[in-house]
PDB file of N, CA and C in Angstrom:
ATOM      1  N   MET A   1       8.643 -16.657   5.933  1.00  0.00           N
ATOM      2  CA  MET A   1       9.263 -15.418   6.336  1.00  0.00           C
ATOM      3  C   MET A   1       9.931 -14.791   5.117  1.00  0.00           C
ATOM      4  N   VAL A   2       9.690 -13.517   4.925  1.00  0.00           N
ATOM      5  CA  VAL A   2      10.282 -12.783   3.810  1.00  0.00           C
ATOM      6  C   VAL A   2      11.156 -11.674   4.393  1.00  0.00           C
ATOM      7  N   ARG A   3      12.372 -11.579   3.895  1.00  0.00           N
ATOM      8  CA  ARG A   3      13.287 -10.536   4.368  1.00  0.00           C
ATOM      9  C   ARG A   3      13.664  -9.633   3.211  1.00  0.00           C
ATOM     10  N   ALA A   4      13.930  -8.367   3.553  1.00  0.00           N
ATOM     11  CA  ALA A   4      14.331  -7.394   2.537  1.00  0.00           C
ATOM     12  C   ALA A   4      15.249  -6.360   3.164  1.00  0.00           C
ATOM     13  N   ILE A   5      15.975  -5.692   2.300  1.00  0.00           N
ATOM     14  CA  ILE A   5      16.835  -4.592   2.717  1.00  0.00           C
ATOM     15  C   ILE A   5      16.322  -3.344   2.008  1.00  0.00           C
ATOM     16  N   VAL A   6      16.159  -2.272   2.782  1.00  0.00           N
ATOM     17  CA  VAL A   6      15.721  -0.998   2.222  1.00  0.00           C
ATOM     18  C   VAL A   6      16.876  -0.017   2.379  1.00  0.00           C
ATOM     19  N   LEU A   7      17.345   0.510   1.250  1.00  0.00           N
ATOM     20  CA  LEU A   7      18.394   1.521   1.244  1.00  0.00           C
ATOM     21  C   LEU A   7      17.720   2.883   1.250  1.00  0.00           C
ATOM     22  N   VAL A   8      18.209   3.796   2.088  1.00  0.00           N
ATOM     23  CA  VAL A   8      17.539   5.089   2.279  1.00  0.00           C
ATOM     24  C   VAL A   8      18.505   6.238   2.051  1.00  0.00           C
ATOM     25  N   THR A   9      18.040   7.227   1.294  1.00  0.00           N
ATOM     26  CA  THR A   9      18.771   8.474   1.118  1.00  0.00           C
ATOM     27  C   THR A   9      18.071   9.540   1.953  1.00  0.00           C
ATOM     28  N   SER A  10      18.837  10.204   2.824  1.00  0.00           N
ATOM     29  CA  SER A  10      18.272  11.239   3.684  1.00  0.00           C
ATOM     30  C   SER A  10      19.382  12.145   4.203  1.00  0.00           C
ATOM     31  N   PRO A  11      19.151  13.457   4.222  1.00  0.00           N
ATOM     32  CA  PRO A  11      20.152  14.358   4.796  1.00  0.00           C
ATOM     33  C   PRO A  11      20.128  14.347   6.328  1.00  0.00           C
ATOM     34  N   LYS A  12      19.130  13.728   6.927  1.00  0.00           N
ATOM     35  CA  LYS A  12      19.007  13.682   8.392  1.00  0.00           C
ATOM     36  C   LYS A  12      20.056  12.744   8.976  1.00  0.00           C
ATOM     37  N   LYS A  13      20.797  13.205   9.957  1.00  0.00           N
ATOM     38  CA  LYS A  13      21.870  12.400  10.546  1.00  0.00           C
ATOM     39  C   LYS A  13      21.351  11.223  11.361  1.00  0.00           C
ATOM     40  N   LEU A  14      20.185  11.353  11.964  1.00  0.00           N
ATOM     41  CA  LEU A  14      19.668  10.295  12.831  1.00  0.00           C
ATOM     42  C   LEU A  14      18.604   9.445  12.147  1.00  0.00           C
ATOM     43  N   ILE A  15      18.647   9.350  10.826  1.00  0.00           N
ATOM     44  CA  ILE A  15      17.624   8.613  10.101  1.00  0.00           C
ATOM     45  C   ILE A  15      17.609   7.134  10.473  1.00  0.00           C
ATOM     46  N   ALA A  16      18.756   6.532  10.751  1.00  0.00           N
ATOM     47  CA  ALA A  16      18.793   5.105  11.109  1.00  0.00           C
ATOM     48  C   ALA A  16      17.999   4.853  12.388  1.00  0.00           C
ATOM     49  N   ALA A  17      18.073   5.761  13.353  1.00  0.00           N
ATOM     50  CA  ALA A  17      17.307   5.619  14.592  1.00  0.00           C
ATOM     51  C   ALA A  17      15.811   5.721  14.313  1.00  0.00           C
ATOM     52  N   ARG A  18      15.426   6.581  13.412  1.00  0.00           N
ATOM     53  CA  ARG A  18      14.005   6.712  13.052  1.00  0.00           C
ATOM     54  C   ARG A  18      13.508   5.459  12.350  1.00  0.00           C
ATOM     55  N   LEU A  19      14.360   4.855  11.537  1.00  0.00           N
ATOM     56  CA  LEU A  19      13.967   3.638  10.825  1.00  0.00           C
ATOM     57  C   LEU A  19      13.675   2.496  11.797  1.00  0.00           C
ATOM     58  N   ARG A  20      14.407   2.425  12.904  1.00  0.00           N
ATOM     59  CA  ARG A  20      14.211   1.353  13.887  1.00  0.00           C
ATOM     60  C   ARG A  20      12.833   1.383  14.523  1.00  0.00           C
ATOM     61  N   LYS A  21      12.164   2.522  14.465  1.00  0.00           N
ATOM     62  CA  LYS A  21      10.840   2.651  15.069  1.00  0.00           C
ATOM     63  C   LYS A  21       9.727   2.099  14.178  1.00  0.00           C
ATOM     64  N   VAL A  22      10.058   1.776  12.937  1.00  0.00           N
ATOM     65  CA  VAL A  22       9.063   1.246  11.993  1.00  0.00           C
ATOM     66  C   VAL A  22       8.842  -0.234  12.284  1.00  0.00           C
ATOM     67  N   LYS A  23       7.581  -0.613  12.298  1.00  0.00           N
ATOM     68  CA  LYS A  23       7.218  -2.021  12.510  1.00  0.00           C
ATOM     69  C   LYS A  23       7.930  -2.906  11.484  1.00  0.00           C
ATOM     70  N   SER A  24       8.420  -4.020  11.894  1.00  0.00           N
ATOM     71  CA  SER A  24       9.096  -5.021  11.064  1.00  0.00           C
ATOM     72  C   SER A  24      10.542  -4.693  10.724  1.00  0.00           C
ATOM     73  N   VAL A  25      11.042  -3.515  11.099  1.00  0.00           N
ATOM     74  CA  VAL A  25      12.472  -3.215  10.927  1.00  0.00           C
ATOM     75  C   VAL A  25      13.185  -3.828  12.127  1.00  0.00           C
ATOM     76  N   TYR A  26      14.028  -4.825  11.874  1.00  0.00           N
ATOM     77  CA  TYR A  26      14.723  -5.479  12.984  1.00  0.00           C
ATOM     78  C   TYR A  26      16.156  -4.991  13.151  1.00  0.00           C
ATOM     79  N   GLU A  27      16.653  -4.222  12.170  1.00  0.00           N
ATOM     80  CA  GLU A  27      17.988  -3.641  12.292  1.00  0.00           C
ATOM     81  C   GLU A  27      18.100  -2.483  11.314  1.00  0.00           C
ATOM     82  N   SER A  28      18.769  -1.428  11.730  1.00  0.00           N
ATOM     83  CA  SER A  28      19.062  -0.319  10.818  1.00  0.00           C
ATOM     84  C   SER A  28      20.359   0.335  11.264  1.00  0.00           C
ATOM     85  N   PHE A  29      21.070   0.880  10.296  1.00  0.00           N
ATOM     86  CA  PHE A  29      22.354   1.498  10.611  1.00  0.00           C
ATOM     87  C   PHE A  29      22.739   2.465   9.502  1.00  0.00           C
ATOM     88  N   PRO A  30      23.526   3.491   9.830  1.00  0.00           N
ATOM     89  CA  PRO A  30      24.010   4.437   8.809  1.00  0.00           C
ATOM     90  C   PRO A  30      25.103   3.784   7.969  1.00  0.00           C
ATOM     91  N   VAL A  31      25.211   4.217   6.720  1.00  0.00           N
ATOM     92  CA  VAL A  31      26.251   3.709   5.826  1.00  0.00           C
ATOM     93  C   VAL A  31      26.846   4.879   5.040  1.00  0.00           C
ATOM     94  N   SER A  32      27.995   4.642   4.455  1.00  0.00           N
ATOM     95  CA  SER A  32      28.607   5.650   3.597  1.00  0.00           C
ATOM     96  C   SER A  32      28.316   5.273   2.145  1.00  0.00           C
ATOM     97  N   GLY A  33      28.475   6.234   1.268  1.00  0.00           N
ATOM     98  CA  GLY A  33      28.257   5.956  -0.148  1.00  0.00           C
ATOM     99  C   GLY A  33      27.021   6.647  -0.669  1.00  0.00           C
ATOM    100  N   GLN A  34      26.408   6.057  -1.675  1.00  0.00           N
ATOM    101  CA  GLN A  34      25.251   6.644  -2.349  1.00  0.00           C
ATOM    102  C   GLN A  34      24.039   6.758  -1.422  1.00  0.00           C
ATOM    103  N   PHE A  35      23.905   5.843  -0.483  1.00  0.00           N
ATOM    104  CA  PHE A  35      22.783   5.856   0.455  1.00  0.00           C
ATOM    105  C   PHE A  35      23.286   6.239   1.837  1.00  0.00           C
ATOM    106  N   ASP A  36      22.360   6.656   2.691  1.00  0.00           N
ATOM    107  CA  ASP A  36      22.723   7.125   4.024  1.00  0.00           C
ATOM    108  C   ASP A  36      22.414   6.129   5.132  1.00  0.00           C
ATOM    109  N   ALA A  37      21.475   5.216   4.878  1.00  0.00           N
ATOM    110  CA  ALA A  37      21.109   4.236   5.905  1.00  0.00           C
ATOM    111  C   ALA A  37      20.553   2.977   5.254  1.00  0.00           C
ATOM    112  N   VAL A  38      20.597   1.898   6.023  1.00  0.00           N
ATOM    113  CA  VAL A  38      20.050   0.609   5.611  1.00  0.00           C
ATOM    114  C   VAL A  38      19.061   0.166   6.671  1.00  0.00           C
ATOM    115  N   ALA A  39      17.920  -0.328   6.233  1.00  0.00           N
ATOM    116  CA  ALA A  39      16.946  -0.924   7.149  1.00  0.00           C
ATOM    117  C   ALA A  39      16.719  -2.359   6.711  1.00  0.00           C
ATOM    118  N   LYS A  40      16.844  -3.287   7.645  1.00  0.00           N
ATOM    119  CA  LYS A  40      16.547  -4.688   7.364  1.00  0.00           C
ATOM    120  C   LYS A  40      15.152  -4.971   7.898  1.00  0.00           C
ATOM    121  N   ILE A  41      14.301  -5.529   7.028  1.00  0.00           N
ATOM    122  CA  ILE A  41      12.933  -5.819   7.451  1.00  0.00           C
ATOM    123  C   ILE A  41      12.623  -7.295   7.285  1.00  0.00           C
ATOM    124  N   GLN A  42      11.700  -7.756   8.114  1.00  0.00           N
ATOM    125  CA  GLN A  42      11.271  -9.149   8.061  1.00  0.00           C
ATOM    126  C   GLN A  42       9.764  -9.178   8.260  1.00  0.00           C
ATOM    127  N   VAL A  43       9.053  -9.821   7.335  1.00  0.00           N
ATOM    128  CA  VAL A  43       7.600  -9.902   7.381  1.00  0.00           C
ATOM    129  C   VAL A  43       7.158 -11.334   7.074  1.00  0.00           C
ATOM    130  N   GLU A  44       5.889 -11.599   7.313  1.00  0.00           N
ATOM    131  CA  GLU A  44       5.339 -12.933   7.029  1.00  0.00           C
ATOM    132  C   GLU A  44       5.027 -13.117   5.543  1.00  0.00           C
ATOM    133  N   GLN A  45       4.461 -12.089   4.917  1.00  0.00           N
ATOM    134  CA  GLN A  45       4.006 -12.184   3.529  1.00  0.00           C
ATOM    135  C   GLN A  45       4.705 -11.142   2.661  1.00  0.00           C
ATOM    136  N   LEU A  46       4.986 -11.489   1.433  1.00  0.00           N
ATOM    137  CA  LEU A  46       5.621 -10.591   0.487  1.00  0.00           C
ATOM    138  C   LEU A  46       4.817  -9.294   0.329  1.00  0.00           C
ATOM    139  N   SER A  47       3.506  -9.394   0.358  1.00  0.00           N
ATOM    140  CA  SER A  47       2.646  -8.222   0.177  1.00  0.00           C
ATOM    141  C   SER A  47       2.848  -7.169   1.265  1.00  0.00           C
ATOM    142  N   GLU A  48       3.351  -7.551   2.431  1.00  0.00           N
ATOM    143  CA  GLU A  48       3.565  -6.613   3.533  1.00  0.00           C
ATOM    144  C   GLU A  48       4.743  -5.667   3.276  1.00  0.00           C
ATOM    145  N   ILE A  49       5.638  -6.034   2.406  1.00  0.00           N
ATOM    146  CA  ILE A  49       6.824  -5.215   2.160  1.00  0.00           C
ATOM    147  C   ILE A  49       6.437  -3.845   1.621  1.00  0.00           C
ATOM    148  N   LYS A  50       5.447  -3.783   0.752  1.00  0.00           N
ATOM    149  CA  LYS A  50       5.005  -2.491   0.213  1.00  0.00           C
ATOM    150  C   LYS A  50       4.514  -1.579   1.335  1.00  0.00           C
ATOM    151  N   GLU A  51       3.775  -2.123   2.295  1.00  0.00           N
ATOM    152  CA  GLU A  51       3.284  -1.328   3.425  1.00  0.00           C
ATOM    153  C   GLU A  51       4.439  -0.741   4.228  1.00  0.00           C
ATOM    154  N   ILE A  52       5.447  -1.547   4.493  1.00  0.00           N
ATOM    155  CA  ILE A  52       6.587  -1.108   5.295  1.00  0.00           C
ATOM    156  C   ILE A  52       7.389  -0.058   4.541  1.00  0.00           C
ATOM    157  N   THR A  53       7.640  -0.286   3.257  1.00  0.00           N
ATOM    158  CA  THR A  53       8.416   0.692   2.489  1.00  0.00           C
ATOM    159  C   THR A  53       7.658   2.016   2.348  1.00  0.00           C
ATOM    160  N   THR A  54       6.347   1.952   2.232  1.00  0.00           N
ATOM    161  CA  THR A  54       5.541   3.174   2.186  1.00  0.00           C
ATOM    162  C   THR A  54       5.660   3.934   3.493  1.00  0.00           C
ATOM    163  N   GLU A  55       5.631   3.217   4.608  1.00  0.00           N
ATOM    164  CA  GLU A  55       5.789   3.857   5.917  1.00  0.00           C
ATOM    165  C   GLU A  55       7.170   4.513   6.046  1.00  0.00           C
ATOM    166  N   ILE A  56       8.199   3.837   5.561  1.00  0.00           N
ATOM    167  CA  ILE A  56       9.556   4.395   5.598  1.00  0.00           C
ATOM    168  C   ILE A  56       9.626   5.661   4.750  1.00  0.00           C
ATOM    169  N   GLN A  57       9.002   5.644   3.585  1.00  0.00           N
ATOM    170  CA  GLN A  57       9.036   6.800   2.692  1.00  0.00           C
ATOM    171  C   GLN A  57       8.330   8.016   3.286  1.00  0.00           C
ATOM    172  N   LYS A  58       7.420   7.796   4.215  1.00  0.00           N
ATOM    173  CA  LYS A  58       6.689   8.894   4.854  1.00  0.00           C
ATOM    174  C   LYS A  58       7.463   9.538   6.008  1.00  0.00           C
ATOM    175  N   ILE A  59       8.584   8.949   6.412  1.00  0.00           N
ATOM    176  CA  ILE A  59       9.389   9.519   7.494  1.00  0.00           C
ATOM    177  C   ILE A  59       9.968  10.848   7.031  1.00  0.00           C
ATOM    178  N   ASN A  60       9.851  11.855   7.877  1.00  0.00           N
ATOM    179  CA  ASN A  60      10.371  13.181   7.563  1.00  0.00           C
ATOM    180  C   ASN A  60      11.867  13.103   7.253  1.00  0.00           C
ATOM    181  N   GLY A  61      12.254  13.582   6.091  1.00  0.00           N
ATOM    182  CA  GLY A  61      13.659  13.594   5.698  1.00  0.00           C
ATOM    183  C   GLY A  61      14.047  12.505   4.720  1.00  0.00           C
ATOM    184  N   VAL A  62      13.217  11.489   4.561  1.00  0.00           N
ATOM    185  CA  VAL A  62      13.539  10.433   3.597  1.00  0.00           C
ATOM    186  C   VAL A  62      13.300  10.974   2.191  1.00  0.00           C
ATOM    187  N   GLU A  63      14.346  10.960   1.394  1.00  0.00           N
ATOM    188  CA  GLU A  63      14.252  11.478   0.032  1.00  0.00           C
ATOM    189  C   GLU A  63      14.030  10.380  -1.002  1.00  0.00           C
ATOM    190  N   ARG A  64      14.625   9.208  -0.757  1.00  0.00           N
ATOM    191  CA  ARG A  64      14.583   8.130  -1.743  1.00  0.00           C
ATOM    192  C   ARG A  64      14.832   6.812  -1.037  1.00  0.00           C
ATOM    193  N   THR A  65      14.192   5.763  -1.547  1.00  0.00           N
ATOM    194  CA  THR A  65      14.467   4.417  -1.043  1.00  0.00           C
ATOM    195  C   THR A  65      14.657   3.465  -2.221  1.00  0.00           C
ATOM    196  N   GLU A  66      15.350   2.392  -1.933  1.00  0.00           N
ATOM    197  CA  GLU A  66      15.500   1.309  -2.886  1.00  0.00           C
ATOM    198  C   GLU A  66      15.414   0.014  -2.089  1.00  0.00           C
ATOM    199  N   THR A  67      14.538  -0.887  -2.537  1.00  0.00           N
ATOM    200  CA  THR A  67      14.271  -2.099  -1.781  1.00  0.00           C
ATOM    201  C   THR A  67      14.794  -3.319  -2.534  1.00  0.00           C
ATOM    202  N   MET A  68      15.474  -4.183  -1.798  1.00  0.00           N
ATOM    203  CA  MET A  68      15.972  -5.440  -2.358  1.00  0.00           C
ATOM    204  C   MET A  68      15.388  -6.574  -1.521  1.00  0.00           C
ATOM    205  N   ILE A  69      14.644  -7.460  -2.171  1.00  0.00           N
ATOM    206  CA  ILE A  69      13.992  -8.575  -1.491  1.00  0.00           C
ATOM    207  C   ILE A  69      14.859  -9.816  -1.618  1.00  0.00           C
ATOM    208  N   GLU A  70      15.037 -10.492  -0.490  1.00  0.00           N
ATOM    209  CA  GLU A  70      15.826 -11.726  -0.493  1.00  0.00           C
ATOM    210  C   GLU A  70      15.105 -12.789  -1.307  1.00  0.00           C
ATOM    211  N   VAL A  71      15.857 -13.476  -2.177  1.00  0.00           N
ATOM    212  CA  VAL A  71      15.252 -14.535  -2.999  1.00  0.00           C
ATOM    213  C   VAL A  71      15.774 -15.892  -2.613  1.00  0.00           C
TER     214      VAL A  71
END
């Protein structure tokens, strides 16, 4: 099991709710600071993380993401 955190910048107020609809996102919530939301993802293979982050980046309103993989 591979887990990662995706930090998202978006002017959309409900972006955290949209993130929850993405496959493999098991938790998301708004945050204050440089980023607007956090999505926690869990996948079987490391290679799947790129697919999930690409899907997140395609969400309307997502301006930037930063992904941190648990080591």
